[in-house]
Amino acid sequence: RRNINDISIQFSTPILSSKLQFVLWYHYFFLDQKTTPYNTDMTAFNPDHAAADRHLGQELDILFNLRVNPRNELLLGYSFFKSGKYYQLTPGSPSDADGQFLYLQYQTRF
């Protein structure tokens, strides 16, 4: 991605055993330049309007990572994204709603 900065802080600690890890991860997203963020395919998100504010939002991730064995892990995560002033003030933004999602991921290493 271009024109997006992410300042983050992460805390992790084992729970009950060394196989279960708890992770708390905070992100602060803001634009590098007061233009537009870019999508993952490098196209402009909102090309017709300059940013009214550089603050994109904040995200809090809560993760539980279980190491099943040396090659397999199971991850349960919850994320909450609080939209910033960019979405509230910039014309052409599709929404200024907050977002939250729950996910489960299984990883196998070969």
C-alpha atoms as a PDB file:
ATOM      1  CA  ARG A   1       0.000   0.000   0.000  1.00  0.00           C
ATOM      2  CA  ARG A   2       0.996   3.606  -0.482  1.00  0.00           C
ATOM      3  CA  ASN A   3       0.444   6.772   1.503  1.00  0.00           C
ATOM      4  CA  ILE A   4      -0.586   4.934   4.686  1.00  0.00           C
ATOM      5  CA  ASN A   5       1.410   4.923   7.904  1.00  0.00           C
ATOM      6  CA  ASP A   6       0.783   2.449  10.713  1.00  0.00           C
ATOM      7  CA  ILE A   7       2.197   3.085  14.159  1.00  0.00           C
ATOM      8  CA  SER A   8       1.601   0.039  16.320  1.00  0.00           C
ATOM      9  CA  ILE A   9       2.270  -1.363  19.755  1.00  0.00           C
ATOM     10  CA  GLN A  10       2.046  -5.060  20.528  1.00  0.00           C
ATOM     11  CA  PHE A  11       1.898  -6.950  23.813  1.00  0.00           C
ATOM     12  CA  SER A  12       2.069 -10.740  23.974  1.00  0.00           C
ATOM     13  CA  THR A  13       2.292 -13.257  26.792  1.00  0.00           C
ATOM     14  CA  PRO A  14       1.806 -17.002  27.236  1.00  0.00           C
ATOM     15  CA  ILE A  15      -1.425 -18.130  28.925  1.00  0.00           C
ATOM     16  CA  LEU A  16      -1.724 -21.368  30.938  1.00  0.00           C
ATOM     17  CA  SER A  17       1.160 -22.924  28.974  1.00  0.00           C
ATOM     18  CA  SER A  18       3.795 -22.008  26.434  1.00  0.00           C
ATOM     19  CA  LYS A  19       1.506 -23.374  23.676  1.00  0.00           C
ATOM     20  CA  LEU A  20      -1.181 -20.688  24.085  1.00  0.00           C
ATOM     21  CA  GLN A  21      -0.210 -17.084  23.367  1.00  0.00           C
ATOM     22  CA  PHE A  22      -2.331 -13.980  24.037  1.00  0.00           C
ATOM     23  CA  VAL A  23      -1.632 -10.949  21.822  1.00  0.00           C
ATOM     24  CA  LEU A  24      -2.987  -7.423  22.191  1.00  0.00           C
ATOM     25  CA  TRP A  25      -2.113  -5.187  19.223  1.00  0.00           C
ATOM     26  CA  TYR A  26      -2.965  -1.495  18.769  1.00  0.00           C
ATOM     27  CA  HIS A  27      -2.645   0.359  15.440  1.00  0.00           C
ATOM     28  CA  TYR A  28      -2.883   4.064  14.592  1.00  0.00           C
ATOM     29  CA  PHE A  29      -3.345   4.660  10.837  1.00  0.00           C
ATOM     30  CA  PHE A  30      -2.757   7.997   9.130  1.00  0.00           C
ATOM     31  CA  LEU A  31      -1.967   9.330   5.673  1.00  0.00           C
ATOM     32  CA  ASP A  32       1.596  10.243   4.786  1.00  0.00           C
ATOM     33  CA  GLN A  33       0.360  12.986   2.428  1.00  0.00           C
ATOM     34  CA  LYS A  34      -3.014  14.711   2.460  1.00  0.00           C
ATOM     35  CA  THR A  35      -4.177  13.123  -0.807  1.00  0.00           C
ATOM     36  CA  THR A  36      -5.832   9.691  -0.763  1.00  0.00           C
ATOM     37  CA  PRO A  37      -5.048   6.208   0.554  1.00  0.00           C
ATOM     38  CA  TYR A  38      -4.478   3.433  -1.971  1.00  0.00           C
ATOM     39  CA  ASN A  39      -6.167   0.038  -2.196  1.00  0.00           C
ATOM     40  CA  THR A  40      -4.192  -3.204  -2.085  1.00  0.00           C
ATOM     41  CA  ASP A  41      -4.094  -3.249  -5.907  1.00  0.00           C
ATOM     42  CA  MET A  42      -2.445   0.231  -5.788  1.00  0.00           C
ATOM     43  CA  THR A  43      -5.472   2.091  -7.193  1.00  0.00           C
ATOM     44  CA  ALA A  44      -6.519   5.315  -5.497  1.00  0.00           C
ATOM     45  CA  PHE A  45      -9.259   4.812  -2.899  1.00  0.00           C
ATOM     46  CA  ASN A  46     -10.869   8.236  -3.422  1.00  0.00           C
ATOM     47  CA  PRO A  47      -9.092   9.837  -6.411  1.00  0.00           C
ATOM     48  CA  ASP A  48     -11.507  12.732  -6.971  1.00  0.00           C
ATOM     49  CA  HIS A  49     -11.168  14.326  -3.520  1.00  0.00           C
ATOM     50  CA  ALA A  50      -8.180  15.465  -1.490  1.00  0.00           C
ATOM     51  CA  ALA A  51      -8.153  14.332   2.121  1.00  0.00           C
ATOM     52  CA  ALA A  52      -9.869  16.676   4.576  1.00  0.00           C
ATOM     53  CA  ASP A  53      -7.888  15.050   7.404  1.00  0.00           C
ATOM     54  CA  ARG A  54      -4.921  12.646   7.595  1.00  0.00           C
ATOM     55  CA  HIS A  55      -6.348  10.535  10.485  1.00  0.00           C
ATOM     56  CA  LEU A  56      -7.636   7.234   9.023  1.00  0.00           C
ATOM     57  CA  GLY A  57      -8.446   5.476  12.276  1.00  0.00           C
ATOM     58  CA  GLN A  58      -7.356   3.176  15.070  1.00  0.00           C
ATOM     59  CA  GLU A  59      -7.552  -0.588  15.390  1.00  0.00           C
ATOM     60  CA  LEU A  60      -7.370  -2.938  18.344  1.00  0.00           C
ATOM     61  CA  ASP A  61      -6.658  -6.631  17.704  1.00  0.00           C
ATOM     62  CA  ILE A  62      -7.143  -9.322  20.363  1.00  0.00           C
ATOM     63  CA  LEU A  63      -5.584 -12.651  19.382  1.00  0.00           C
ATOM     64  CA  PHE A  64      -5.248 -16.118  20.878  1.00  0.00           C
ATOM     65  CA  ASN A  65      -2.669 -18.302  19.137  1.00  0.00           C
ATOM     66  CA  LEU A  66      -2.554 -22.019  19.979  1.00  0.00           C
ATOM     67  CA  ARG A  67       0.519 -23.963  18.834  1.00  0.00           C
ATOM     68  CA  VAL A  68      -0.939 -27.420  18.196  1.00  0.00           C
ATOM     69  CA  ASN A  69       2.478 -28.852  17.316  1.00  0.00           C
ATOM     70  CA  PRO A  70       5.696 -27.435  15.770  1.00  0.00           C
ATOM     71  CA  ARG A  71       4.056 -27.259  12.296  1.00  0.00           C
ATOM     72  CA  ASN A  72       0.449 -26.298  13.075  1.00  0.00           C
ATOM     73  CA  GLU A  73      -1.164 -23.287  14.752  1.00  0.00           C
ATOM     74  CA  LEU A  74      -4.728 -22.198  15.383  1.00  0.00           C
ATOM     75  CA  LEU A  75      -5.452 -18.462  15.685  1.00  0.00           C
ATOM     76  CA  LEU A  76      -8.652 -16.887  17.018  1.00  0.00           C
ATOM     77  CA  GLY A  77      -8.862 -13.144  16.574  1.00  0.00           C
ATOM     78  CA  TYR A  78     -11.186 -10.208  17.141  1.00  0.00           C
ATOM     79  CA  SER A  79     -10.522  -6.775  15.646  1.00  0.00           C
ATOM     80  CA  PHE A  80     -12.229  -3.422  16.164  1.00  0.00           C
ATOM     81  CA  PHE A  81     -11.544  -0.497  13.811  1.00  0.00           C
ATOM     82  CA  LYS A  82     -12.608   3.016  14.860  1.00  0.00           C
ATOM     83  CA  SER A  83     -12.798   5.173  11.745  1.00  0.00           C
ATOM     84  CA  GLY A  84     -10.991   8.490  11.805  1.00  0.00           C
ATOM     85  CA  LYS A  85     -11.751  11.988  10.623  1.00  0.00           C
ATOM     86  CA  TYR A  86     -10.674  11.196   7.054  1.00  0.00           C
ATOM     87  CA  TYR A  87     -13.837   9.113   6.553  1.00  0.00           C
ATOM     88  CA  GLN A  88     -16.056  11.603   8.385  1.00  0.00           C
ATOM     89  CA  LEU A  89     -14.837  14.773   6.628  1.00  0.00           C
ATOM     90  CA  THR A  90     -13.558  13.827   3.155  1.00  0.00           C
ATOM     91  CA  PRO A  91     -16.190  14.012   0.380  1.00  0.00           C
ATOM     92  CA  GLY A  92     -16.588  10.814  -1.614  1.00  0.00           C
ATOM     93  CA  SER A  93     -15.802   8.453   1.281  1.00  0.00           C
ATOM     94  CA  PRO A  94     -18.290   5.584   1.051  1.00  0.00           C
ATOM     95  CA  SER A  95     -18.801   5.297   4.819  1.00  0.00           C
ATOM     96  CA  ASP A  96     -17.539   6.557   8.157  1.00  0.00           C
ATOM     97  CA  ALA A  97     -18.769   3.480  10.051  1.00  0.00           C
ATOM     98  CA  ASP A  98     -16.604   1.592  12.496  1.00  0.00           C
ATOM     99  CA  GLY A  99     -15.741  -2.005  11.714  1.00  0.00           C
ATOM    100  CA  GLN A 100     -15.359  -5.156  13.739  1.00  0.00           C
ATOM    101  CA  PHE A 101     -14.727  -8.745  12.809  1.00  0.00           C
ATOM    102  CA  LEU A 102     -14.061 -12.134  14.337  1.00  0.00           C
ATOM    103  CA  TYR A 103     -11.893 -14.681  12.558  1.00  0.00           C
ATOM    104  CA  LEU A 104     -10.417 -18.152  12.898  1.00  0.00           C
ATOM    105  CA  GLN A 105      -7.252 -19.178  11.059  1.00  0.00           C
ATOM    106  CA  TYR A 106      -5.429 -22.497  10.811  1.00  0.00           C
ATOM    107  CA  GLN A 107      -1.807 -22.487   9.656  1.00  0.00           C
ATOM    108  CA  THR A 108       0.305 -25.437   8.536  1.00  0.00           C
ATOM    109  CA  ARG A 109       4.012 -25.091   7.772  1.00  0.00           C
ATOM    110  CA  PHE A 110       5.589 -27.515   5.316  1.00  0.00           C
END
